[in-house]
PDB file of N, CA and C in Angstrom:
ATOM      1  N   MET A   1       0.657  -1.401  -0.105  1.00  0.00           N
ATOM      2  CA  MET A   1      -0.096   0.010  -0.189  1.00  0.00           C
ATOM      3  C   MET A   1       1.074   1.410   0.019  1.00  0.00           C
ATOM      4  N   LEU A   2       1.980   1.550   1.086  1.00  0.00           N
ATOM      5  CA  LEU A   2       2.903   2.537   1.029  1.00  0.00           C
ATOM      6  C   LEU A   2       3.718   2.588  -0.173  1.00  0.00           C
ATOM      7  N   GLU A   3       4.294   1.617  -1.391  1.00  0.00           N
ATOM      8  CA  GLU A   3       4.993   1.918  -2.582  1.00  0.00           C
ATOM      9  C   GLU A   3       3.722   2.246  -3.830  1.00  0.00           C
ATOM     10  N   TRP A   4       2.836   1.368  -3.434  1.00  0.00           N
ATOM     11  CA  TRP A   4       1.242   2.758  -4.038  1.00  0.00           C
ATOM     12  C   TRP A   4       0.653   4.090  -4.314  1.00  0.00           C
ATOM     13  N   PHE A   5       1.585   4.166  -2.761  1.00  0.00           N
ATOM     14  CA  PHE A   5       1.214   5.794  -2.537  1.00  0.00           C
ATOM     15  C   PHE A   5       2.025   6.400  -2.828  1.00  0.00           C
ATOM     16  N   ALA A   6       3.806   6.229  -2.837  1.00  0.00           N
ATOM     17  CA  ALA A   6       4.798   7.231  -3.430  1.00  0.00           C
ATOM     18  C   ALA A   6       4.616   7.216  -4.643  1.00  0.00           C
ATOM     19  N   ALA A   7       4.181   6.008  -5.604  1.00  0.00           N
ATOM     20  CA  ALA A   7       4.427   6.059  -7.002  1.00  0.00           C
ATOM     21  C   ALA A   7       2.663   7.070  -7.354  1.00  0.00           C
ATOM     22  N   PHE A   8       1.568   6.941  -6.504  1.00  0.00           N
ATOM     23  CA  PHE A   8       0.511   8.127  -6.624  1.00  0.00           C
ATOM     24  C   PHE A   8       1.412   9.075  -6.696  1.00  0.00           C
ATOM     25  N   LYS A   9       2.029   9.997  -5.947  1.00  0.00           N
ATOM     26  CA  LYS A   9       2.258  11.074  -5.225  1.00  0.00           C
ATOM     27  C   LYS A   9       2.789  10.728  -6.356  1.00  0.00           C
ATOM     28  N   ARG A  10       4.107  10.648  -6.735  1.00  0.00           N
ATOM     29  CA  ARG A  10       5.166  11.108  -7.915  1.00  0.00           C
ATOM     30  C   ARG A  10       4.748  11.652  -8.978  1.00  0.00           C
ATOM     31  N   TYR A  11       3.459  10.844  -9.342  1.00  0.00           N
ATOM     32  CA  TYR A  11       3.001  11.116 -10.838  1.00  0.00           C
ATOM     33  C   TYR A  11       1.255  11.524 -10.634  1.00  0.00           C
ATOM     34  N   ARG A  12       1.025  12.317  -9.660  1.00  0.00           N
ATOM     35  CA  ARG A  12      -0.384  13.466  -9.334  1.00  0.00           C
ATOM     36  C   ARG A  12       0.044  14.649  -9.924  1.00  0.00           C
ATOM     37  N   THR A  13       0.892  15.217 -10.557  1.00  0.00           N
ATOM     38  CA  THR A  13       1.373  16.491 -11.021  1.00  0.00           C
ATOM     39  C   THR A  13       0.567  15.682 -11.908  1.00  0.00           C
ATOM     40  N   PRO A  14       1.494  15.517 -13.253  1.00  0.00           N
ATOM     41  CA  PRO A  14       1.492  14.909 -14.463  1.00  0.00           C
ATOM     42  C   PRO A  14       0.690  14.828 -14.648  1.00  0.00           C
ATOM     43  N   VAL A  15      -0.558  13.606 -14.297  1.00  0.00           N
ATOM     44  CA  VAL A  15      -1.720  13.107 -14.126  1.00  0.00           C
ATOM     45  C   VAL A  15      -2.799  14.001 -14.334  1.00  0.00           C
ATOM     46  N   LEU A  16      -3.083  14.932 -13.448  1.00  0.00           N
ATOM     47  CA  LEU A  16      -3.747  15.775 -12.872  1.00  0.00           C
ATOM     48  C   LEU A  16      -3.185  17.375 -14.136  1.00  0.00           C
ATOM     49  N   ALA A  17      -2.454  17.330 -14.669  1.00  0.00           N
ATOM     50  CA  ALA A  17      -2.966  18.236 -15.844  1.00  0.00           C
ATOM     51  C   ALA A  17      -3.126  17.643 -16.854  1.00  0.00           C
ATOM     52  N   VAL A  18      -2.738  16.477 -17.271  1.00  0.00           N
ATOM     53  CA  VAL A  18      -3.065  16.096 -18.557  1.00  0.00           C
ATOM     54  C   VAL A  18      -4.992  15.935 -18.286  1.00  0.00           C
ATOM     55  N   LEU A  19      -5.192  15.926 -17.560  1.00  0.00           N
ATOM     56  CA  LEU A  19      -7.212  15.407 -16.832  1.00  0.00           C
ATOM     57  C   LEU A  19      -7.098  16.942 -17.224  1.00  0.00           C
ATOM     58  N   ALA A  20      -6.579  17.999 -16.585  1.00  0.00           N
ATOM     59  CA  ALA A  20      -7.435  19.168 -16.854  1.00  0.00           C
ATOM     60  C   ALA A  20      -7.765  20.235 -18.167  1.00  0.00           C
ATOM     61  N   THR A  21      -6.310  19.222 -18.480  1.00  0.00           N
ATOM     62  CA  THR A  21      -6.067  20.005 -19.883  1.00  0.00           C
ATOM     63  C   THR A  21      -7.206  19.142 -21.054  1.00  0.00           C
ATOM     64  N   LEU A  22      -7.808  17.689 -20.829  1.00  0.00           N
ATOM     65  CA  LEU A  22      -8.873  16.924 -21.631  1.00  0.00           C
ATOM     66  C   LEU A  22     -10.279  17.566 -21.073  1.00  0.00           C
ATOM     67  N   MET A  23     -10.138  18.035 -19.183  1.00  0.00           N
ATOM     68  CA  MET A  23     -11.692  18.651 -19.373  1.00  0.00           C
ATOM     69  C   MET A  23     -11.189  20.048 -20.252  1.00  0.00           C
ATOM     70  N   LEU A  24     -10.445  21.144 -20.005  1.00  0.00           N
ATOM     71  CA  LEU A  24     -11.362  21.872 -21.248  1.00  0.00           C
ATOM     72  C   LEU A  24     -11.274  22.077 -22.228  1.00  0.00           C
ATOM     73  N   VAL A  25      -9.940  21.581 -22.993  1.00  0.00           N
ATOM     74  CA  VAL A  25     -10.316  20.515 -24.353  1.00  0.00           C
ATOM     75  C   VAL A  25     -12.309  20.459 -24.658  1.00  0.00           C
ATOM     76  N   CYS A  26     -12.763  19.608 -24.042  1.00  0.00           N
ATOM     77  CA  CYS A  26     -13.761  18.616 -24.359  1.00  0.00           C
ATOM     78  C   CYS A  26     -14.941  20.133 -23.923  1.00  0.00           C
ATOM     79  N   SER A  27     -14.851  21.011 -23.032  1.00  0.00           N
ATOM     80  CA  SER A  27     -15.353  22.246 -22.833  1.00  0.00           C
ATOM     81  C   SER A  27     -15.529  23.168 -23.711  1.00  0.00           C
ATOM     82  N   ALA A  28     -14.001  22.986 -24.841  1.00  0.00           N
ATOM     83  CA  ALA A  28     -14.827  23.971 -25.831  1.00  0.00           C
ATOM     84  C   ALA A  28     -15.039  23.496 -26.835  1.00  0.00           C
ATOM     85  N   VAL A  29     -15.083  22.108 -26.757  1.00  0.00           N
ATOM     86  CA  VAL A  29     -15.857  20.999 -28.030  1.00  0.00           C
ATOM     87  C   VAL A  29     -17.129  21.058 -27.507  1.00  0.00           C
ATOM     88  N   TRP A  30     -17.428  21.256 -26.218  1.00  0.00           N
ATOM     89  CA  TRP A  30     -19.298  21.184 -26.002  1.00  0.00           C
ATOM     90  C   TRP A  30     -20.003  22.294 -25.328  1.00  0.00           C
ATOM     91  N   SER A  31     -18.804  23.263 -25.468  1.00  0.00           N
ATOM     92  CA  SER A  31     -19.643  24.903 -24.678  1.00  0.00           C
ATOM     93  C   SER A  31     -20.039  25.609 -25.666  1.00  0.00           C
ATOM     94  N   PHE A  32     -18.903  25.669 -26.245  1.00  0.00           N
ATOM     95  CA  PHE A  32     -18.253  26.774 -28.139  1.00  0.00           C
ATOM     96  C   PHE A  32     -18.687  25.782 -29.015  1.00  0.00           C
ATOM     97  N   ASP A  33     -19.244  24.909 -29.151  1.00  0.00           N
ATOM     98  CA  ASP A  33     -18.816  23.826 -30.297  1.00  0.00           C
ATOM     99  C   ASP A  33     -17.941  24.386 -31.516  1.00  0.00           C
ATOM    100  N   VAL A  34     -16.443  24.727 -30.411  1.00  0.00           N
ATOM    101  CA  VAL A  34     -15.599  23.871 -31.362  1.00  0.00           C
ATOM    102  C   VAL A  34     -15.921  22.842 -31.885  1.00  0.00           C
ATOM    103  N   PRO A  35     -15.245  22.433 -33.631  1.00  0.00           N
ATOM    104  CA  PRO A  35     -15.092  20.873 -34.416  1.00  0.00           C
ATOM    105  C   PRO A  35     -13.842  20.447 -34.231  1.00  0.00           C
ATOM    106  N   TRP A  36     -13.716  19.183 -33.398  1.00  0.00           N
ATOM    107  CA  TRP A  36     -13.150  18.071 -32.347  1.00  0.00           C
ATOM    108  C   TRP A  36     -12.012  18.070 -34.257  1.00  0.00           C
ATOM    109  N   ARG A  37     -11.947  18.490 -35.260  1.00  0.00           N
ATOM    110  CA  ARG A  37     -10.777  18.441 -36.509  1.00  0.00           C
ATOM    111  C   ARG A  37     -10.607  19.687 -35.441  1.00  0.00           C
ATOM    112  N   GLU A  38     -11.193  20.584 -35.870  1.00  0.00           N
ATOM    113  CA  GLU A  38     -10.236  22.002 -34.912  1.00  0.00           C
ATOM    114  C   GLU A  38      -9.220  21.751 -33.768  1.00  0.00           C
ATOM    115  N   ILE A  39      -9.589  21.270 -32.834  1.00  0.00           N
ATOM    116  CA  ILE A  39      -8.839  20.950 -32.105  1.00  0.00           C
ATOM    117  C   ILE A  39      -8.177  20.086 -31.866  1.00  0.00           C
ATOM    118  N   LEU A  40      -8.358  18.940 -32.717  1.00  0.00           N
ATOM    119  CA  LEU A  40      -7.139  18.156 -33.036  1.00  0.00           C
ATOM    120  C   LEU A  40      -5.879  18.546 -34.086  1.00  0.00           C
ATOM    121  N   GLY A  41      -6.204  19.093 -34.786  1.00  0.00           N
ATOM    122  CA  GLY A  41      -5.093  20.402 -35.866  1.00  0.00           C
ATOM    123  C   GLY A  41      -4.407  20.716 -35.009  1.00  0.00           C
ATOM    124  N   TYR A  42      -4.707  21.709 -34.112  1.00  0.00           N
ATOM    125  CA  TYR A  42      -4.482  22.748 -32.918  1.00  0.00           C
ATOM    126  C   TYR A  42      -3.402  21.842 -31.947  1.00  0.00           C
ATOM    127  N   LEU A  43      -4.010  20.395 -31.265  1.00  0.00           N
ATOM    128  CA  LEU A  43      -2.822  19.788 -31.485  1.00  0.00           C
ATOM    129  C   LEU A  43      -1.601  19.418 -31.816  1.00  0.00           C
ATOM    130  N   LEU A  44      -1.790  18.992 -32.611  1.00  0.00           N
ATOM    131  CA  LEU A  44      -1.034  18.853 -33.993  1.00  0.00           C
ATOM    132  C   LEU A  44       0.054  19.830 -33.911  1.00  0.00           C
ATOM    133  N   MET A  45       0.159  20.412 -33.745  1.00  0.00           N
ATOM    134  CA  MET A  45       0.187  21.654 -34.268  1.00  0.00           C
ATOM    135  C   MET A  45       1.482  22.041 -32.896  1.00  0.00           C
ATOM    136  N   CYS A  46       0.854  22.049 -32.060  1.00  0.00           N
ATOM    137  CA  CYS A  46       0.986  22.542 -31.058  1.00  0.00           C
ATOM    138  C   CYS A  46       2.694  21.184 -30.217  1.00  0.00           C
ATOM    139  N   VAL A  47       2.252  20.346 -30.210  1.00  0.00           N
ATOM    140  CA  VAL A  47       3.352  18.826 -30.962  1.00  0.00           C
ATOM    141  C   VAL A  47       4.318  18.455 -31.465  1.00  0.00           C
ATOM    142  N   LEU A  48       4.273  19.878 -33.414  1.00  0.00           N
ATOM    143  CA  LEU A  48       5.122  19.671 -33.503  1.00  0.00           C
ATOM    144  C   LEU A  48       5.845  20.621 -33.340  1.00  0.00           C
ATOM    145  N   GLY A  49       5.847  22.026 -32.515  1.00  0.00           N
ATOM    146  CA  GLY A  49       6.102  23.504 -31.899  1.00  0.00           C
ATOM    147  C   GLY A  49       6.972  23.036 -31.244  1.00  0.00           C
ATOM    148  N   VAL A  50       7.051  21.755 -29.960  1.00  0.00           N
ATOM    149  CA  VAL A  50       7.703  21.287 -28.745  1.00  0.00           C
ATOM    150  C   VAL A  50       8.270  20.152 -29.570  1.00  0.00           C
ATOM    151  N   LEU A  51       8.467  19.732 -30.520  1.00  0.00           N
ATOM    152  CA  LEU A  51       9.496  18.458 -31.097  1.00  0.00           C
ATOM    153  C   LEU A  51      10.481  19.661 -31.472  1.00  0.00           C
ATOM    154  N   VAL A  52       9.957  21.409 -32.021  1.00  0.00           N
ATOM    155  CA  VAL A  52      10.613  21.764 -33.263  1.00  0.00           C
ATOM    156  C   VAL A  52      11.776  22.050 -32.064  1.00  0.00           C
ATOM    157  N   ILE A  53      11.312  22.915 -31.017  1.00  0.00           N
ATOM    158  CA  ILE A  53      11.846  23.416 -30.107  1.00  0.00           C
ATOM    159  C   ILE A  53      12.820  22.300 -29.086  1.00  0.00           C
ATOM    160  N   ALA A  54      12.407  21.498 -29.349  1.00  0.00           N
ATOM    161  CA  ALA A  54      12.971  19.636 -28.310  1.00  0.00           C
ATOM    162  C   ALA A  54      14.201  19.848 -29.437  1.00  0.00           C
ATOM    163  N   SER A  55      14.542  19.888 -30.646  1.00  0.00           N
ATOM    164  CA  SER A  55      15.278  19.504 -31.427  1.00  0.00           C
ATOM    165  C   SER A  55      16.337  19.944 -31.823  1.00  0.00           C
ATOM    166  N   ALA A  56      16.200  21.778 -31.032  1.00  0.00           N
ATOM    167  CA  ALA A  56      16.507  22.968 -31.473  1.00  0.00           C
ATOM    168  C   ALA A  56      17.692  22.741 -30.238  1.00  0.00           C
ATOM    169  N   ALA A  57      16.933  22.822 -29.241  1.00  0.00           N
ATOM    170  CA  ALA A  57      17.702  22.568 -27.914  1.00  0.00           C
ATOM    171  C   ALA A  57      19.035  21.038 -28.132  1.00  0.00           C
ATOM    172  N   ALA A  58      18.399  19.645 -27.865  1.00  0.00           N
ATOM    173  CA  ALA A  58      19.048  19.335 -27.992  1.00  0.00           C
ATOM    174  C   ALA A  58      20.635  19.503 -29.240  1.00  0.00           C
ATOM    175  N   ALA A  59      20.487  19.971 -30.314  1.00  0.00           N
ATOM    176  CA  ALA A  59      21.351  20.609 -31.612  1.00  0.00           C
ATOM    177  C   ALA A  59      22.526  21.192 -30.399  1.00  0.00           C
ATOM    178  N   THR A  60      21.761  22.253 -29.699  1.00  0.00           N
ATOM    179  CA  THR A  60      22.594  22.880 -29.271  1.00  0.00           C
ATOM    180  C   THR A  60      23.229  22.813 -27.989  1.00  0.00           C
ATOM    181  N   VAL A  61      22.834  21.731 -26.794  1.00  0.00           N
ATOM    182  CA  VAL A  61      23.547  21.029 -26.393  1.00  0.00           C
ATOM    183  C   VAL A  61      24.866  20.057 -26.867  1.00  0.00           C
ATOM    184  N   TYR A  62      24.222  19.984 -27.997  1.00  0.00           N
ATOM    185  CA  TYR A  62      25.751  18.513 -28.586  1.00  0.00           C
ATOM    186  C   TYR A  62      26.525  19.608 -28.976  1.00  0.00           C
ATOM    187  N   LEU A  63      26.196  20.914 -29.971  1.00  0.00           N
ATOM    188  CA  LEU A  63      27.512  22.235 -29.778  1.00  0.00           C
ATOM    189  C   LEU A  63      27.873  22.315 -28.622  1.00  0.00           C
ATOM    190  N   ILE A  64      27.609  22.142 -27.820  1.00  0.00           N
ATOM    191  CA  ILE A  64      28.100  23.065 -26.715  1.00  0.00           C
ATOM    192  C   ILE A  64      29.313  22.276 -26.531  1.00  0.00           C
ATOM    193  N   LYS A  65      28.636  21.103 -26.008  1.00  0.00           N
ATOM    194  CA  LYS A  65      29.769  19.781 -25.639  1.00  0.00           C
ATOM    195  C   LYS A  65      30.776  19.850 -26.735  1.00  0.00           C
ATOM    196  N   THR A  66      30.628  19.801 -28.112  1.00  0.00           N
ATOM    197  CA  THR A  66      31.462  18.875 -28.848  1.00  0.00           C
ATOM    198  C   THR A  66      32.515  20.727 -28.467  1.00  0.00           C
ATOM    199  N   LEU A  67      31.767  21.925 -28.578  1.00  0.00           N
ATOM    200  CA  LEU A  67      33.118  22.818 -28.505  1.00  0.00           C
ATOM    201  C   LEU A  67      33.556  23.651 -27.788  1.00  0.00           C
ATOM    202  N   ARG A  68      33.680  22.284 -26.649  1.00  0.00           N
ATOM    203  CA  ARG A  68      34.140  22.133 -25.181  1.00  0.00           C
ATOM    204  C   ARG A  68      35.071  20.980 -25.553  1.00  0.00           C
TER     205      ARG A  68
END
């Protein structure tokens, strides 16, 4: 029981963040009649944006470590 609680406590914040985001997306769809296709398009653009930023950060770290 104690191990389960420790694991739950460790992942509580990310899980709650994902659930809150899901609730906001669903409320946008149901309350404001935003089409699911448009929401998924925004999600795809956000994921691609994060991938570009992460790739640039990884390249920068590699370049700095190589130059040292």
